[in-house]
Amino acid sequence: MSNRPDPAAVWLGVLLRQFPELHQELAPSRGARPPGTGHSGRPTAPGAPIRLFVSDTIRDITDGVVELEEAVREKLRLPRPPRGTVEQRLARLIGLLDQVAAHPVLAEHVRGEARRMARRCSLALGDTESPVRVGGRCPHCDSVSLRVFPHRETALCVNPGCRCADTECGCLTDVAHRHSWPRAAWHRLAEATNGDLSELTAAQEAPDHSAEGTSRSARGTERLPLAPGRSARGVSR
């Protein structure tokens, strides 16, 4: 039997810990950090847009948790849930996960919704995304430098010296260019690198440990921005 924790339990646990912080972001006290910084102290954006985004996030997560609990209890043929706070509902959902596991389609739905809400919560709190190291070598530079960015569903070569043979690729003229592969191209990337497609997929599905404050898999790796539209030619297309 696998010792790997249930991803749904991890995501729901992250959400349970972080959701109360959204209310602190929405109405910070006078002694709190200045507006425009996330709960980690990193700059985010001007105060008014942040408060609007946080308010929308609270509403989205509140509705999502209510709907998820009701759907789970209906599928498990349990009575309708009593009223409760988001935190109370999340705790009840976590307590039902053993029963949910007996229904694969429902379990996948719970994982997906828990992951979506936890990631939105982390984003509203100003968390950055930690890349996950995966095996295999970049097909362009042969470096062990492939990382998966779970939120963006993108694999990236983080080697700043990576160059490909395409004379029209931005890597030849832009030092900030990074070859990347969207999820739809991962099977080609796995073939080109003799890598494991399941490892790429598992990295994308793995809970974002940056939301929990630690990242064993990403420790020691770079946190690089990914410019829109920059994909590795010849493999991802």
Protein backbone atom coordinates (compact mmCIF):
# COMPACT_ATOMS: atom_id res chain seq x y z
CA MET A 1 0.00 0.00 0.00
CA SER A 2 1.37 3.44 -0.92
CA ASN A 3 2.48 5.79 1.86
CA ARG A 4 1.86 8.79 -0.37
CA PRO A 5 -0.68 11.13 1.26
CA ASP A 6 -4.02 11.62 -0.43
CA PRO A 7 -3.62 14.76 -2.60
CA ALA A 8 -7.21 15.77 -1.81
CA ALA A 9 -6.44 15.69 1.92
CA VAL A 10 -3.32 17.78 1.39
CA TRP A 11 -5.10 20.37 -0.75
CA LEU A 12 -8.04 20.61 1.64
CA GLY A 13 -5.61 20.92 4.55
CA VAL A 14 -3.78 23.77 2.81
CA LEU A 15 -7.09 25.49 2.14
CA LEU A 16 -8.21 24.99 5.74
CA ARG A 17 -5.05 26.68 7.02
CA GLN A 18 -4.96 29.52 4.51
CA PHE A 19 -8.60 30.52 4.05
CA PRO A 20 -8.76 32.50 7.35
CA GLU A 21 -5.82 34.60 6.11
CA LEU A 22 -7.93 35.89 3.23
CA HIS A 23 -10.09 37.83 5.69
CA GLN A 24 -6.93 39.34 7.17
CA GLU A 25 -5.87 40.42 3.68
CA LEU A 26 -9.29 41.94 3.07
CA ALA A 27 -9.28 44.09 6.20
CA PRO A 28 -5.73 44.39 7.57
CA SER A 29 -5.21 46.02 10.95
CA ARG A 30 -3.20 49.21 11.45
CA GLY A 31 -0.31 47.21 12.76
CA ALA A 32 -0.30 44.85 9.79
CA ARG A 33 2.04 44.97 6.81
CA PRO A 34 1.52 47.80 4.30
CA PRO A 35 -1.08 47.34 1.53
CA GLY A 36 0.14 45.65 -1.61
CA THR A 37 2.11 42.87 0.05
CA GLY A 38 1.13 39.23 0.38
CA HIS A 39 1.10 37.28 3.67
CA SER A 40 4.76 36.42 3.07
CA GLY A 41 5.67 40.11 2.80
CA ARG A 42 6.28 40.02 -0.95
CA PRO A 43 4.91 42.85 -3.09
CA THR A 44 1.73 42.03 -4.92
CA ALA A 45 -0.31 44.86 -6.44
CA PRO A 46 -2.05 48.11 -5.49
CA GLY A 47 -4.38 47.82 -2.50
CA ALA A 48 -7.80 48.34 -4.11
CA PRO A 49 -7.41 45.72 -6.88
CA ILE A 50 -5.96 43.29 -4.34
CA ARG A 51 -8.94 43.73 -2.00
CA LEU A 52 -11.34 43.19 -4.90
CA PHE A 53 -9.47 40.05 -5.98
CA VAL A 54 -9.39 38.75 -2.40
CA SER A 55 -13.10 39.47 -1.99
CA ASP A 56 -13.86 37.57 -5.21
CA THR A 57 -11.64 34.72 -4.04
CA ILE A 58 -13.46 34.47 -0.69
CA ARG A 59 -16.82 34.34 -2.47
CA ASP A 60 -15.59 31.77 -5.02
CA ILE A 61 -14.10 29.48 -2.37
CA THR A 62 -17.11 29.82 -0.06
CA ASP A 63 -19.52 28.85 -2.85
CA GLY A 64 -17.17 26.12 -4.04
CA VAL A 65 -16.82 24.50 -0.63
CA VAL A 66 -20.59 24.55 -0.03
CA GLU A 67 -21.28 22.99 -3.43
CA LEU A 68 -18.51 20.42 -3.02
CA GLU A 69 -19.72 19.26 0.38
CA GLU A 70 -23.31 18.99 -0.84
CA ALA A 71 -22.24 17.02 -3.93
CA VAL A 72 -20.10 14.65 -1.87
CA ARG A 73 -22.81 13.95 0.67
CA GLU A 74 -25.39 13.45 -2.08
CA LYS A 75 -23.13 10.95 -3.86
CA LEU A 76 -22.47 9.12 -0.59
CA ARG A 77 -26.22 9.15 0.15
CA LEU A 78 -25.74 11.08 3.36
CA PRO A 79 -28.12 13.69 4.78
CA ARG A 80 -27.70 17.28 3.64
CA PRO A 81 -24.94 18.97 5.60
CA PRO A 82 -25.82 21.37 8.40
CA ARG A 83 -24.90 25.00 8.09
CA GLY A 84 -21.35 25.90 8.98
CA THR A 85 -18.37 28.08 8.26
CA VAL A 86 -16.02 27.30 5.41
CA GLU A 87 -13.53 25.91 7.91
CA GLN A 88 -16.16 23.63 9.46
CA ARG A 89 -17.24 22.38 6.04
CA LEU A 90 -13.63 21.71 5.02
CA ALA A 91 -13.06 19.72 8.21
CA ARG A 92 -16.17 17.66 7.49
CA LEU A 93 -15.01 17.04 3.90
CA ILE A 94 -11.65 15.81 5.14
CA GLY A 95 -13.47 13.43 7.45
CA LEU A 96 -15.36 11.94 4.49
CA LEU A 97 -12.34 11.27 2.27
CA ASP A 98 -12.08 7.59 3.21
CA GLN A 99 -15.61 7.07 1.92
CA VAL A 100 -14.95 9.27 -1.12
CA ALA A 101 -11.98 7.07 -2.08
CA ALA A 102 -14.40 4.22 -2.86
CA HIS A 103 -15.83 6.30 -5.73
CA PRO A 104 -13.03 7.05 -8.26
CA VAL A 105 -14.96 9.64 -10.29
CA LEU A 106 -16.04 11.49 -7.16
CA ALA A 107 -12.53 11.27 -5.71
CA GLU A 108 -11.06 12.84 -8.84
CA HIS A 109 -13.66 15.62 -8.72
CA VAL A 110 -12.85 16.35 -5.07
CA ARG A 111 -9.10 16.43 -5.83
CA GLY A 112 -9.61 18.77 -8.75
CA GLU A 113 -11.85 21.20 -6.88
CA ALA A 114 -9.67 21.16 -3.76
CA ARG A 115 -6.58 21.83 -5.87
CA ARG A 116 -8.25 24.65 -7.78
CA MET A 117 -9.50 26.40 -4.65
CA ALA A 118 -6.24 25.98 -2.74
CA ARG A 119 -4.23 27.39 -5.63
CA ARG A 120 -6.57 30.37 -6.00
CA CYS A 121 -6.29 31.00 -2.27
CA SER A 122 -2.49 30.89 -2.43
CA LEU A 123 -2.48 33.25 -5.40
CA ALA A 124 -4.66 35.77 -3.55
CA LEU A 125 -2.25 35.62 -0.62
CA GLY A 126 0.68 36.49 -2.88
CA ASP A 127 2.46 33.14 -2.92
CA THR A 128 4.92 32.43 -5.71
CA GLU A 129 4.99 29.14 -7.57
CA SER A 130 7.73 26.65 -6.79
CA PRO A 131 8.99 24.55 -9.70
CA VAL A 132 9.26 20.78 -9.30
CA ARG A 133 12.42 19.04 -10.49
CA VAL A 134 11.84 16.13 -12.87
CA GLY A 135 14.17 13.60 -14.44
CA GLY A 136 15.45 13.58 -18.00
CA ARG A 137 17.67 15.99 -19.91
CA CYS A 138 16.64 18.99 -21.95
CA PRO A 139 16.50 17.96 -25.63
CA HIS A 140 18.26 21.20 -26.60
CA CYS A 141 21.13 21.60 -24.11
CA ASP A 142 21.31 18.07 -22.66
CA SER A 143 21.26 19.58 -19.18
CA VAL A 144 19.46 18.07 -16.19
CA SER A 145 17.47 21.26 -15.90
CA LEU A 146 13.83 20.39 -16.55
CA ARG A 147 11.29 21.75 -14.09
CA VAL A 148 7.50 21.58 -14.00
CA PHE A 149 5.50 24.64 -12.92
CA PRO A 150 2.28 23.02 -11.62
CA HIS A 151 0.04 26.10 -11.70
CA ARG A 152 0.94 26.90 -15.30
CA GLU A 153 0.95 23.24 -16.39
CA THR A 154 4.24 23.96 -18.13
CA ALA A 155 7.63 22.25 -18.23
CA LEU A 156 10.62 24.57 -18.48
CA CYS A 157 14.36 24.27 -19.04
CA VAL A 158 15.90 26.54 -16.40
CA ASN A 159 19.40 26.48 -17.88
CA PRO A 160 20.12 30.12 -18.90
CA GLY A 161 22.64 28.89 -21.47
CA CYS A 162 20.17 26.61 -23.26
CA ARG A 163 20.24 27.10 -27.04
CA CYS A 164 18.41 25.21 -29.76
CA ALA A 165 19.07 24.73 -33.49
CA ASP A 166 16.13 26.87 -34.63
CA THR A 167 17.55 30.08 -36.11
CA GLU A 168 14.23 31.87 -35.45
CA CYS A 169 14.02 30.91 -31.77
CA GLY A 170 14.25 33.71 -29.22
CA CYS A 171 16.95 31.85 -27.30
CA LEU A 172 19.52 33.21 -29.79
CA THR A 173 18.72 36.86 -29.13
CA ASP A 174 16.97 37.07 -25.76
CA VAL A 175 18.99 36.08 -22.67
CA ALA A 176 15.76 35.79 -20.64
CA HIS A 177 14.26 33.25 -23.05
CA ARG A 178 13.54 29.81 -21.62
CA HIS A 179 12.44 26.82 -23.69
CA SER A 180 9.10 25.58 -22.43
CA TRP A 181 6.56 22.87 -23.12
CA PRO A 182 2.83 23.18 -22.32
CA ARG A 183 1.13 20.12 -20.90
CA ALA A 184 -0.27 19.16 -24.31
CA ALA A 185 3.32 18.67 -25.55
CA TRP A 186 4.63 16.65 -22.60
CA HIS A 187 4.29 13.32 -24.38
CA ARG A 188 6.62 14.61 -27.10
CA LEU A 189 9.00 15.98 -24.49
CA ALA A 190 9.06 12.59 -22.75
CA GLU A 191 9.82 10.86 -26.05
CA ALA A 192 12.57 13.35 -26.95
CA THR A 193 14.25 13.02 -23.55
CA ASN A 194 13.58 9.32 -22.93
CA GLY A 195 11.81 10.61 -19.87
CA ASP A 196 8.79 9.42 -17.95
CA LEU A 197 5.51 11.06 -18.91
CA SER A 198 3.93 9.87 -15.66
CA GLU A 199 6.61 11.74 -13.71
CA LEU A 200 5.75 15.00 -15.49
CA THR A 201 2.06 14.45 -14.82
CA ALA A 202 2.68 13.55 -11.17
CA ALA A 203 4.74 16.73 -10.73
CA GLN A 204 1.85 18.80 -12.08
CA GLU A 205 -0.65 17.05 -9.83
CA ALA A 206 1.54 17.30 -6.73
CA PRO A 207 0.38 19.78 -4.10
CA ASP A 208 2.20 23.11 -4.33
CA HIS A 209 4.33 22.98 -1.20
CA SER A 210 5.10 26.66 -1.51
CA ALA A 211 1.61 27.16 -0.16
CA GLU A 212 2.63 25.23 2.96
CA GLY A 213 5.88 27.12 3.41
CA THR A 214 8.24 24.32 2.39
CA SER A 215 9.09 22.45 -0.76
CA ARG A 216 11.22 19.35 -0.60
CA SER A 217 10.99 18.68 -4.30
CA ALA A 218 11.70 22.25 -5.34
CA ARG A 219 14.26 23.10 -2.67
CA GLY A 220 17.35 24.54 -4.27
CA THR A 221 15.68 25.26 -7.61
CA GLU A 222 15.13 28.62 -9.19
CA ARG A 223 11.84 30.50 -9.15
CA LEU A 224 11.84 31.82 -12.68
CA PRO A 225 9.13 33.81 -14.42
CA LEU A 226 7.77 32.26 -17.58
CA ALA A 227 7.16 34.74 -20.34
CA PRO A 228 3.88 34.17 -22.21
CA GLY A 229 4.11 32.50 -25.58
CA ARG A 230 7.65 31.24 -25.24
CA SER A 231 7.66 27.58 -26.14
CA ALA A 232 10.42 25.34 -27.34
CA ARG A 233 10.31 24.94 -31.10
CA GLY A 234 10.70 21.53 -32.67
CA VAL A 235 9.38 19.64 -29.66
CA SER A 236 6.37 21.44 -28.33
CA ARG A 237 4.93 22.17 -31.76
